[in-house]
Amino acid sequence: MRFLTGKAVASTVVLAICAGLAGCANESKTGGDPGARPLPAGMSCPSIKVEMDRLVGRGVQGLIEGRQNGRKLTPTQTSDADRYNELLSLYLGARCYT
C-alpha cells in the first residue's frame, strides 16, 4: 500500500476545499430564493399598500397585537386583522417594498 506524502495530502485537501467552495458558490447565487411571487389578478403593489394603510388607520396593528396576547376580538375586528395579514403576505411575497 502506498502512502501519500505531506505535499500530496496538502494538495488533496486544498482541492477538496476548492471543490466544496465552488459548490457553495453556485448555490449562493440564488440562495434558494424562489423570487417574487405574482400578485392575484386585479391587484397591484400600490393598491395593496392603500388598503393596508386604510386598515392601519383603523387601528388594525393594535388588534393583531391584542389577538396575539389572547384578547377576544369581534368578528369585524377579526376580519380586519386577517385581511391585513393576508395583504402583508402578498405585499412581502411580491416584493413590493423594493
PDB file of N, CA and C in Angstrom:
ATOM      1  N   MET A   1       0.846  -1.172   0.000  1.00  0.00           N
ATOM      2  CA  MET A   1       0.000   0.000   0.000  1.00  0.00           C
ATOM      3  C   MET A   1       0.892   1.235   0.000  1.00  0.00           C
ATOM      4  N   ARG A   2       0.548   2.184  -0.828  1.00  0.00           N
ATOM      5  CA  ARG A   2       1.352   3.384  -0.970  1.00  0.00           C
ATOM      6  C   ARG A   2       0.739   4.515  -0.150  1.00  0.00           C
ATOM      7  N   PHE A   3       1.545   5.230   0.590  1.00  0.00           N
ATOM      8  CA  PHE A   3       1.071   6.347   1.405  1.00  0.00           C
ATOM      9  C   PHE A   3       1.365   7.661   0.693  1.00  0.00           C
ATOM     10  N   LEU A   4       0.494   8.624   0.901  1.00  0.00           N
ATOM     11  CA  LEU A   4       0.682   9.931   0.285  1.00  0.00           C
ATOM     12  C   LEU A   4       1.692  10.742   1.078  1.00  0.00           C
ATOM     13  N   THR A   5       2.482  11.525   0.379  1.00  0.00           N
ATOM     14  CA  THR A   5       3.432  12.404   1.047  1.00  0.00           C
ATOM     15  C   THR A   5       2.680  13.608   1.606  1.00  0.00           C
ATOM     16  N   GLY A   6       3.351  14.367   2.415  1.00  0.00           N
ATOM     17  CA  GLY A   6       2.744  15.557   3.009  1.00  0.00           C
ATOM     18  C   GLY A   6       2.260  16.532   1.963  1.00  0.00           C
ATOM     19  N   LYS A   7       3.067  16.674   0.878  1.00  0.00           N
ATOM     20  CA  LYS A   7       2.700  17.587  -0.196  1.00  0.00           C
ATOM     21  C   LYS A   7       1.443  17.092  -0.930  1.00  0.00           C
ATOM     22  N   ALA A   8       1.355  15.808  -1.139  1.00  0.00           N
ATOM     23  CA  ALA A   8       0.198  15.227  -1.825  1.00  0.00           C
ATOM     24  C   ALA A   8      -1.059  15.359  -0.974  1.00  0.00           C
ATOM     25  N   VAL A   9      -0.910  15.161   0.324  1.00  0.00           N
ATOM     26  CA  VAL A   9      -2.054  15.303   1.228  1.00  0.00           C
ATOM     27  C   VAL A   9      -2.535  16.748   1.233  1.00  0.00           C
ATOM     28  N   ALA A  10      -1.604  17.684   1.297  1.00  0.00           N
ATOM     29  CA  ALA A  10      -1.961  19.094   1.305  1.00  0.00           C
ATOM     30  C   ALA A  10      -2.677  19.472   0.007  1.00  0.00           C
ATOM     31  N   SER A  11      -2.172  18.971  -1.115  1.00  0.00           N
ATOM     32  CA  SER A  11      -2.802  19.259  -2.398  1.00  0.00           C
ATOM     33  C   SER A  11      -4.212  18.686  -2.454  1.00  0.00           C
ATOM     34  N   THR A  12      -4.389  17.483  -1.939  1.00  0.00           N
ATOM     35  CA  THR A  12      -5.698  16.848  -1.931  1.00  0.00           C
ATOM     36  C   THR A  12      -6.670  17.637  -1.067  1.00  0.00           C
ATOM     37  N   VAL A  13      -6.223  18.097   0.082  1.00  0.00           N
ATOM     38  CA  VAL A  13      -7.070  18.886   0.986  1.00  0.00           C
ATOM     39  C   VAL A  13      -7.471  20.193   0.325  1.00  0.00           C
ATOM     40  N   VAL A  14      -6.518  20.856  -0.320  1.00  0.00           N
ATOM     41  CA  VAL A  14      -6.804  22.129  -0.983  1.00  0.00           C
ATOM     42  C   VAL A  14      -7.815  21.919  -2.110  1.00  0.00           C
ATOM     43  N   LEU A  15      -7.637  20.869  -2.891  1.00  0.00           N
ATOM     44  CA  LEU A  15      -8.580  20.578  -3.971  1.00  0.00           C
ATOM     45  C   LEU A  15      -9.977  20.280  -3.438  1.00  0.00           C
ATOM     46  N   ALA A  16     -10.055  19.555  -2.342  1.00  0.00           N
ATOM     47  CA  ALA A  16     -11.356  19.240  -1.753  1.00  0.00           C
ATOM     48  C   ALA A  16     -12.041  20.509  -1.245  1.00  0.00           C
ATOM     49  N   ILE A  17     -11.280  21.390  -0.629  1.00  0.00           N
ATOM     50  CA  ILE A  17     -11.848  22.647  -0.133  1.00  0.00           C
ATOM     51  C   ILE A  17     -12.340  23.505  -1.295  1.00  0.00           C
ATOM     52  N   CYS A  18     -11.526  23.595  -2.353  1.00  0.00           N
ATOM     53  CA  CYS A  18     -11.927  24.388  -3.529  1.00  0.00           C
ATOM     54  C   CYS A  18     -13.193  23.830  -4.168  1.00  0.00           C
ATOM     55  N   ALA A  19     -13.268  22.517  -4.277  1.00  0.00           N
ATOM     56  CA  ALA A  19     -14.458  21.903  -4.860  1.00  0.00           C
ATOM     57  C   ALA A  19     -15.683  22.198  -4.001  1.00  0.00           C
ATOM     58  N   GLY A  20     -15.519  22.114  -2.697  1.00  0.00           N
ATOM     59  CA  GLY A  20     -16.632  22.413  -1.797  1.00  0.00           C
ATOM     60  C   GLY A  20     -17.073  23.855  -1.903  1.00  0.00           C
ATOM     61  N   LEU A  21     -16.109  24.770  -1.963  1.00  0.00           N
ATOM     62  CA  LEU A  21     -16.452  26.184  -2.083  1.00  0.00           C
ATOM     63  C   LEU A  21     -17.090  26.494  -3.426  1.00  0.00           C
ATOM     64  N   ALA A  22     -16.650  25.844  -4.470  1.00  0.00           N
ATOM     65  CA  ALA A  22     -17.250  26.057  -5.789  1.00  0.00           C
ATOM     66  C   ALA A  22     -18.714  25.622  -5.774  1.00  0.00           C
ATOM     67  N   GLY A  23     -18.999  24.522  -5.110  1.00  0.00           N
ATOM     68  CA  GLY A  23     -20.380  24.071  -4.994  1.00  0.00           C
ATOM     69  C   GLY A  23     -21.220  25.057  -4.216  1.00  0.00           C
ATOM     70  N   CYS A  24     -20.663  25.601  -3.151  1.00  0.00           N
ATOM     71  CA  CYS A  24     -21.387  26.599  -2.354  1.00  0.00           C
ATOM     72  C   CYS A  24     -21.614  27.867  -3.156  1.00  0.00           C
ATOM     73  N   ALA A  25     -20.631  28.263  -3.946  1.00  0.00           N
ATOM     74  CA  ALA A  25     -20.757  29.491  -4.736  1.00  0.00           C
ATOM     75  C   ALA A  25     -21.898  29.362  -5.741  1.00  0.00           C
ATOM     76  N   ASN A  26     -22.056  28.203  -6.333  1.00  0.00           N
ATOM     77  CA  ASN A  26     -23.133  28.018  -7.295  1.00  0.00           C
ATOM     78  C   ASN A  26     -24.494  28.113  -6.628  1.00  0.00           C
ATOM     79  N   GLU A  27     -24.633  27.583  -5.422  1.00  0.00           N
ATOM     80  CA  GLU A  27     -25.909  27.629  -4.715  1.00  0.00           C
ATOM     81  C   GLU A  27     -26.211  29.017  -4.183  1.00  0.00           C
ATOM     82  N   SER A  28     -25.175  29.796  -3.835  1.00  0.00           N
ATOM     83  CA  SER A  28     -25.414  31.088  -3.203  1.00  0.00           C
ATOM     84  C   SER A  28     -25.836  32.154  -4.193  1.00  0.00           C
ATOM     85  N   LYS A  29     -25.774  31.878  -5.488  1.00  0.00           N
ATOM     86  CA  LYS A  29     -26.212  32.872  -6.461  1.00  0.00           C
ATOM     87  C   LYS A  29     -27.691  33.180  -6.278  1.00  0.00           C
ATOM     88  N   THR A  30     -28.474  32.184  -6.005  1.00  0.00           N
ATOM     89  CA  THR A  30     -29.897  32.408  -5.772  1.00  0.00           C
ATOM     90  C   THR A  30     -30.241  32.240  -4.303  1.00  0.00           C
ATOM     91  N   GLY A  31     -29.411  31.580  -3.548  1.00  0.00           N
ATOM     92  CA  GLY A  31     -29.670  31.372  -2.131  1.00  0.00           C
ATOM     93  C   GLY A  31     -30.902  30.531  -1.882  1.00  0.00           C
ATOM     94  N   GLY A  32     -31.339  29.801  -2.887  1.00  0.00           N
ATOM     95  CA  GLY A  32     -32.549  29.009  -2.723  1.00  0.00           C
ATOM     96  C   GLY A  32     -33.805  29.856  -2.772  1.00  0.00           C
ATOM     97  N   ASP A  33     -33.651  31.132  -3.110  1.00  0.00           N
ATOM     98  CA  ASP A  33     -34.780  32.061  -3.149  1.00  0.00           C
ATOM     99  C   ASP A  33     -35.591  31.841  -4.422  1.00  0.00           C
ATOM    100  N   PRO A  34     -36.896  31.589  -4.298  1.00  0.00           N
ATOM    101  CA  PRO A  34     -37.715  31.362  -5.483  1.00  0.00           C
ATOM    102  C   PRO A  34     -38.056  32.641  -6.233  1.00  0.00           C
ATOM    103  N   GLY A  35     -37.758  33.790  -5.663  1.00  0.00           N
ATOM    104  CA  GLY A  35     -38.067  35.058  -6.316  1.00  0.00           C
ATOM    105  C   GLY A  35     -39.419  35.595  -5.892  1.00  0.00           C
ATOM    106  N   ALA A  36     -39.769  36.724  -6.466  1.00  0.00           N
ATOM    107  CA  ALA A  36     -41.038  37.367  -6.132  1.00  0.00           C
ATOM    108  C   ALA A  36     -42.214  36.541  -6.644  1.00  0.00           C
ATOM    109  N   ARG A  37     -43.257  36.493  -5.821  1.00  0.00           N
ATOM    110  CA  ARG A  37     -44.483  35.789  -6.226  1.00  0.00           C
ATOM    111  C   ARG A  37     -45.385  36.749  -6.985  1.00  0.00           C
ATOM    112  N   PRO A  38     -46.079  36.259  -7.992  1.00  0.00           N
ATOM    113  CA  PRO A  38     -47.007  37.139  -8.716  1.00  0.00           C
ATOM    114  C   PRO A  38     -48.215  37.477  -7.855  1.00  0.00           C
ATOM    115  N   LEU A  39     -48.752  38.663  -8.071  1.00  0.00           N
ATOM    116  CA  LEU A  39     -49.953  39.090  -7.346  1.00  0.00           C
ATOM    117  C   LEU A  39     -51.192  38.528  -8.031  1.00  0.00           C
ATOM    118  N   PRO A  40     -52.262  38.336  -7.261  1.00  0.00           N
ATOM    119  CA  PRO A  40     -53.519  37.884  -7.869  1.00  0.00           C
ATOM    120  C   PRO A  40     -54.016  38.910  -8.891  1.00  0.00           C
ATOM    121  N   ALA A  41     -54.806  38.446  -9.823  1.00  0.00           N
ATOM    122  CA  ALA A  41     -55.350  39.326 -10.863  1.00  0.00           C
ATOM    123  C   ALA A  41     -56.094  40.497 -10.230  1.00  0.00           C
ATOM    124  N   GLY A  42     -55.869  41.675 -10.776  1.00  0.00           N
ATOM    125  CA  GLY A  42     -56.557  42.867 -10.312  1.00  0.00           C
ATOM    126  C   GLY A  42     -55.888  43.565  -9.142  1.00  0.00           C
ATOM    127  N   MET A  43     -54.801  43.013  -8.648  1.00  0.00           N
ATOM    128  CA  MET A  43     -54.099  43.630  -7.520  1.00  0.00           C
ATOM    129  C   MET A  43     -52.753  44.158  -7.999  1.00  0.00           C
ATOM    130  N   SER A  44     -52.325  45.258  -7.377  1.00  0.00           N
ATOM    131  CA  SER A  44     -51.013  45.825  -7.664  1.00  0.00           C
ATOM    132  C   SER A  44     -50.389  46.226  -6.332  1.00  0.00           C
ATOM    133  N   CYS A  45     -49.102  46.468  -6.356  1.00  0.00           N
ATOM    134  CA  CYS A  45     -48.422  46.880  -5.123  1.00  0.00           C
ATOM    135  C   CYS A  45     -49.040  48.156  -4.543  1.00  0.00           C
ATOM    136  N   PRO A  46     -49.293  49.181  -5.365  1.00  0.00           N
ATOM    137  CA  PRO A  46     -49.919  50.386  -4.802  1.00  0.00           C
ATOM    138  C   PRO A  46     -51.315  50.136  -4.229  1.00  0.00           C
ATOM    139  N   SER A  47     -52.109  49.280  -4.868  1.00  0.00           N
ATOM    140  CA  SER A  47     -53.459  49.031  -4.347  1.00  0.00           C
ATOM    141  C   SER A  47     -53.396  48.276  -3.020  1.00  0.00           C
ATOM    142  N   ILE A  48     -52.444  47.380  -2.887  1.00  0.00           N
ATOM    143  CA  ILE A  48     -52.280  46.656  -1.617  1.00  0.00           C
ATOM    144  C   ILE A  48     -51.857  47.625  -0.531  1.00  0.00           C
ATOM    145  N   LYS A  49     -50.916  48.516  -0.857  1.00  0.00           N
ATOM    146  CA  LYS A  49     -50.419  49.485   0.122  1.00  0.00           C
ATOM    147  C   LYS A  49     -51.533  50.412   0.587  1.00  0.00           C
ATOM    148  N   VAL A  50     -52.389  50.848  -0.321  1.00  0.00           N
ATOM    149  CA  VAL A  50     -53.506  51.732   0.043  1.00  0.00           C
ATOM    150  C   VAL A  50     -54.437  51.029   1.027  1.00  0.00           C
ATOM    151  N   GLU A  51     -54.766  49.771   0.738  1.00  0.00           N
ATOM    152  CA  GLU A  51     -55.665  49.032   1.626  1.00  0.00           C
ATOM    153  C   GLU A  51     -55.015  48.762   2.981  1.00  0.00           C
ATOM    154  N   MET A  52     -53.721  48.452   2.966  1.00  0.00           N
ATOM    155  CA  MET A  52     -53.019  48.244   4.240  1.00  0.00           C
ATOM    156  C   MET A  52     -53.012  49.524   5.068  1.00  0.00           C
ATOM    157  N   ASP A  53     -52.746  50.656   4.425  1.00  0.00           N
ATOM    158  CA  ASP A  53     -52.742  51.942   5.133  1.00  0.00           C
ATOM    159  C   ASP A  53     -54.117  52.256   5.721  1.00  0.00           C
ATOM    160  N   ARG A  54     -55.174  51.921   4.988  1.00  0.00           N
ATOM    161  CA  ARG A  54     -56.529  52.150   5.493  1.00  0.00           C
ATOM    162  C   ARG A  54     -56.771  51.330   6.758  1.00  0.00           C
ATOM    163  N   LEU A  55     -56.333  50.075   6.733  1.00  0.00           N
ATOM    164  CA  LEU A  55     -56.511  49.215   7.911  1.00  0.00           C
ATOM    165  C   LEU A  55     -55.659  49.695   9.088  1.00  0.00           C
ATOM    166  N   VAL A  56     -54.457  50.169   8.800  1.00  0.00           N
ATOM    167  CA  VAL A  56     -53.605  50.711   9.871  1.00  0.00           C
ATOM    168  C   VAL A  56     -54.279  51.929  10.497  1.00  0.00           C
ATOM    169  N   GLY A  57     -54.889  52.761   9.658  1.00  0.00           N
ATOM    170  CA  GLY A  57     -55.616  53.929  10.149  1.00  0.00           C
ATOM    171  C   GLY A  57     -56.783  53.553  11.054  1.00  0.00           C
ATOM    172  N   ARG A  58     -57.336  52.369  10.860  1.00  0.00           N
ATOM    173  CA  ARG A  58     -58.433  51.883  11.704  1.00  0.00           C
ATOM    174  C   ARG A  58     -57.924  51.156  12.945  1.00  0.00           C
ATOM    175  N   GLY A  59     -56.608  51.111  13.130  1.00  0.00           N
ATOM    176  CA  GLY A  59     -56.048  50.518  14.349  1.00  0.00           C
ATOM    177  C   GLY A  59     -55.842  49.021  14.302  1.00  0.00           C
ATOM    178  N   VAL A  60     -55.639  48.465  13.117  1.00  0.00           N
ATOM    179  CA  VAL A  60     -55.528  47.021  12.990  1.00  0.00           C
ATOM    180  C   VAL A  60     -54.278  46.470  13.689  1.00  0.00           C
ATOM    181  N   GLN A  61     -53.219  47.247  13.760  1.00  0.00           N
ATOM    182  CA  GLN A  61     -51.993  46.748  14.405  1.00  0.00           C
ATOM    183  C   GLN A  61     -52.240  46.441  15.880  1.00  0.00           C
ATOM    184  N   GLY A  62     -52.992  47.282  16.545  1.00  0.00           N
ATOM    185  CA  GLY A  62     -53.343  47.019  17.942  1.00  0.00           C
ATOM    186  C   GLY A  62     -54.223  45.789  18.083  1.00  0.00           C
ATOM    187  N   LEU A  63     -55.092  45.587  17.103  1.00  0.00           N
ATOM    188  CA  LEU A  63     -55.954  44.397  17.124  1.00  0.00           C
ATOM    189  C   LEU A  63     -55.122  43.124  16.987  1.00  0.00           C
ATOM    190  N   ILE A  64     -54.166  43.159  16.083  1.00  0.00           N
ATOM    191  CA  ILE A  64     -53.314  41.985  15.863  1.00  0.00           C
ATOM    192  C   ILE A  64     -52.502  41.677  17.115  1.00  0.00           C
ATOM    193  N   GLU A  65     -51.938  42.716  17.730  1.00  0.00           N
ATOM    194  CA  GLU A  65     -51.180  42.508  18.964  1.00  0.00           C
ATOM    195  C   GLU A  65     -52.078  41.981  20.078  1.00  0.00           C
ATOM    196  N   GLY A  66     -53.273  42.541  20.168  1.00  0.00           N
ATOM    197  CA  GLY A  66     -54.214  42.087  21.191  1.00  0.00           C
ATOM    198  C   GLY A  66     -54.598  40.633  20.997  1.00  0.00           C
ATOM    199  N   ARG A  67     -54.833  40.258  19.762  1.00  0.00           N
ATOM    200  CA  ARG A  67     -55.191  38.866  19.471  1.00  0.00           C
ATOM    201  C   ARG A  67     -54.041  37.932  19.831  1.00  0.00           C
ATOM    202  N   GLN A  68     -52.821  38.347  19.561  1.00  0.00           N
ATOM    203  CA  GLN A  68     -51.659  37.536  19.915  1.00  0.00           C
ATOM    204  C   GLN A  68     -51.510  37.384  21.422  1.00  0.00           C
ATOM    205  N   ASN A  69     -52.017  38.359  22.155  1.00  0.00           N
ATOM    206  CA  ASN A  69     -51.950  38.318  23.620  1.00  0.00           C
ATOM    207  C   ASN A  69     -53.186  37.689  24.243  1.00  0.00           C
ATOM    208  N   GLY A  70     -54.061  37.120  23.414  1.00  0.00           N
ATOM    209  CA  GLY A  70     -55.215  36.402  23.930  1.00  0.00           C
ATOM    210  C   GLY A  70     -56.492  37.200  24.040  1.00  0.00           C
ATOM    211  N   ARG A  71     -56.485  38.441  23.581  1.00  0.00           N
ATOM    212  CA  ARG A  71     -57.686  39.271  23.647  1.00  0.00           C
ATOM    213  C   ARG A  71     -58.721  38.786  22.637  1.00  0.00           C
ATOM    214  N   LYS A  72     -59.967  38.768  23.048  1.00  0.00           N
ATOM    215  CA  LYS A  72     -61.064  38.391  22.151  1.00  0.00           C
ATOM    216  C   LYS A  72     -61.380  39.562  21.234  1.00  0.00           C
ATOM    217  N   LEU A  73     -61.613  39.256  19.968  1.00  0.00           N
ATOM    218  CA  LEU A  73     -61.965  40.284  19.004  1.00  0.00           C
ATOM    219  C   LEU A  73     -63.365  40.030  18.475  1.00  0.00           C
ATOM    220  N   THR A  74     -64.010  41.113  18.058  1.00  0.00           N
ATOM    221  CA  THR A  74     -65.315  40.974  17.420  1.00  0.00           C
ATOM    222  C   THR A  74     -65.096  40.360  16.030  1.00  0.00           C
ATOM    223  N   PRO A  75     -66.141  39.861  15.406  1.00  0.00           N
ATOM    224  CA  PRO A  75     -65.978  39.316  14.049  1.00  0.00           C
ATOM    225  C   PRO A  75     -65.410  40.342  13.056  1.00  0.00           C
ATOM    226  N   THR A  76     -65.821  41.597  13.173  1.00  0.00           N
ATOM    227  CA  THR A  76     -65.305  42.643  12.284  1.00  0.00           C
ATOM    228  C   THR A  76     -63.817  42.869  12.525  1.00  0.00           C
ATOM    229  N   GLN A  77     -63.427  42.923  13.798  1.00  0.00           N
ATOM    230  CA  GLN A  77     -62.020  43.106  14.130  1.00  0.00           C
ATOM    231  C   GLN A  77     -61.182  41.920  13.653  1.00  0.00           C
ATOM    232  N   THR A  78     -61.711  40.718  13.820  1.00  0.00           N
ATOM    233  CA  THR A  78     -61.008  39.520  13.360  1.00  0.00           C
ATOM    234  C   THR A  78     -60.837  39.561  11.846  1.00  0.00           C
ATOM    235  N   SER A  79     -61.874  39.972  11.157  1.00  0.00           N
ATOM    236  CA  SER A  79     -61.824  40.073   9.698  1.00  0.00           C
ATOM    237  C   SER A  79     -60.767  41.087   9.260  1.00  0.00           C
ATOM    238  N   ASP A  80     -60.734  42.242   9.924  1.00  0.00           N
ATOM    239  CA  ASP A  80     -59.732  43.269   9.599  1.00  0.00           C
ATOM    240  C   ASP A  80     -58.317  42.758   9.847  1.00  0.00           C
ATOM    241  N   ALA A  81     -58.101  42.094  10.964  1.00  0.00           N
ATOM    242  CA  ALA A  81     -56.776  41.570  11.292  1.00  0.00           C
ATOM    243  C   ALA A  81     -56.351  40.500  10.293  1.00  0.00           C
ATOM    244  N   ASP A  82     -57.274  39.629   9.942  1.00  0.00           N
ATOM    245  CA  ASP A  82     -56.968  38.583   8.961  1.00  0.00           C
ATOM    246  C   ASP A  82     -56.664  39.184   7.592  1.00  0.00           C
ATOM    247  N   ARG A  83     -57.439  40.196   7.196  1.00  0.00           N
ATOM    248  CA  ARG A  83     -57.225  40.837   5.900  1.00  0.00           C
ATOM    249  C   ARG A  83     -55.866  41.533   5.867  1.00  0.00           C
ATOM    250  N   TYR A  84     -55.513  42.199   6.946  1.00  0.00           N
ATOM    251  CA  TYR A  84     -54.210  42.876   6.997  1.00  0.00           C
ATOM    252  C   TYR A  84     -53.080  41.857   6.859  1.00  0.00           C
ATOM    253  N   ASN A  85     -53.170  40.746   7.574  1.00  0.00           N
ATOM    254  CA  ASN A  85     -52.132  39.716   7.488  1.00  0.00           C
ATOM    255  C   ASN A  85     -52.048  39.138   6.081  1.00  0.00           C
ATOM    256  N   GLU A  86     -53.195  38.960   5.432  1.00  0.00           N
ATOM    257  CA  GLU A  86     -53.212  38.458   4.060  1.00  0.00           C
ATOM    258  C   GLU A  86     -52.538  39.455   3.112  1.00  0.00           C
ATOM    259  N   LEU A  87     -52.892  40.734   3.262  1.00  0.00           N
ATOM    260  CA  LEU A  87     -52.295  41.763   2.415  1.00  0.00           C
ATOM    261  C   LEU A  87     -50.797  41.881   2.648  1.00  0.00           C
ATOM    262  N   LEU A  88     -50.395  41.792   3.899  1.00  0.00           N
ATOM    263  CA  LEU A  88     -48.975  41.873   4.221  1.00  0.00           C
ATOM    264  C   LEU A  88     -48.205  40.717   3.585  1.00  0.00           C
ATOM    265  N   SER A  89     -48.781  39.549   3.621  1.00  0.00           N
ATOM    266  CA  SER A  89     -48.151  38.388   2.991  1.00  0.00           C
ATOM    267  C   SER A  89     -48.004  38.596   1.485  1.00  0.00           C
ATOM    268  N   LEU A  90     -49.035  39.116   0.842  1.00  0.00           N
ATOM    269  CA  LEU A  90     -48.964  39.404  -0.587  1.00  0.00           C
ATOM    270  C   LEU A  90     -47.921  40.459  -0.881  1.00  0.00           C
ATOM    271  N   TYR A  91     -47.922  41.515  -0.088  1.00  0.00           N
ATOM    272  CA  TYR A  91     -47.012  42.651  -0.264  1.00  0.00           C
ATOM    273  C   TYR A  91     -45.562  42.197  -0.156  1.00  0.00           C
ATOM    274  N   LEU A  92     -45.263  41.413   0.873  1.00  0.00           N
ATOM    275  CA  LEU A  92     -43.898  40.943   1.065  1.00  0.00           C
ATOM    276  C   LEU A  92     -43.516  39.896   0.028  1.00  0.00           C
ATOM    277  N   GLY A  93     -44.453  38.993  -0.273  1.00  0.00           N
ATOM    278  CA  GLY A  93     -44.171  37.939  -1.237  1.00  0.00           C
ATOM    279  C   GLY A  93     -43.906  38.465  -2.638  1.00  0.00           C
ATOM    280  N   ALA A  94     -44.589  39.537  -3.008  1.00  0.00           N
ATOM    281  CA  ALA A  94     -44.410  40.135  -4.330  1.00  0.00           C
ATOM    282  C   ALA A  94     -43.231  41.108  -4.341  1.00  0.00           C
ATOM    283  N   ARG A  95     -42.642  41.303  -3.189  1.00  0.00           N
ATOM    284  CA  ARG A  95     -41.510  42.226  -3.025  1.00  0.00           C
ATOM    285  C   ARG A  95     -41.873  43.643  -3.444  1.00  0.00           C
ATOM    286  N   CYS A  96     -43.024  44.076  -2.982  1.00  0.00           N
ATOM    287  CA  CYS A  96     -43.478  45.431  -3.286  1.00  0.00           C
ATOM    288  C   CYS A  96     -42.607  46.489  -2.602  1.00  0.00           C
ATOM    289  N   TYR A  97     -41.888  46.097  -1.589  1.00  0.00           N
ATOM    290  CA  TYR A  97     -41.086  47.028  -0.808  1.00  0.00           C
ATOM    291  C   TYR A  97     -39.798  47.421  -1.503  1.00  0.00           C
ATOM    292  N   THR A  98     -39.447  46.769  -2.599  1.00  0.00           N
ATOM    293  CA  THR A  98     -38.177  47.090  -3.271  1.00  0.00           C
ATOM    294  C   THR A  98     -38.370  48.079  -4.368  1.00  0.00           C
TER     295      THR A  98
END
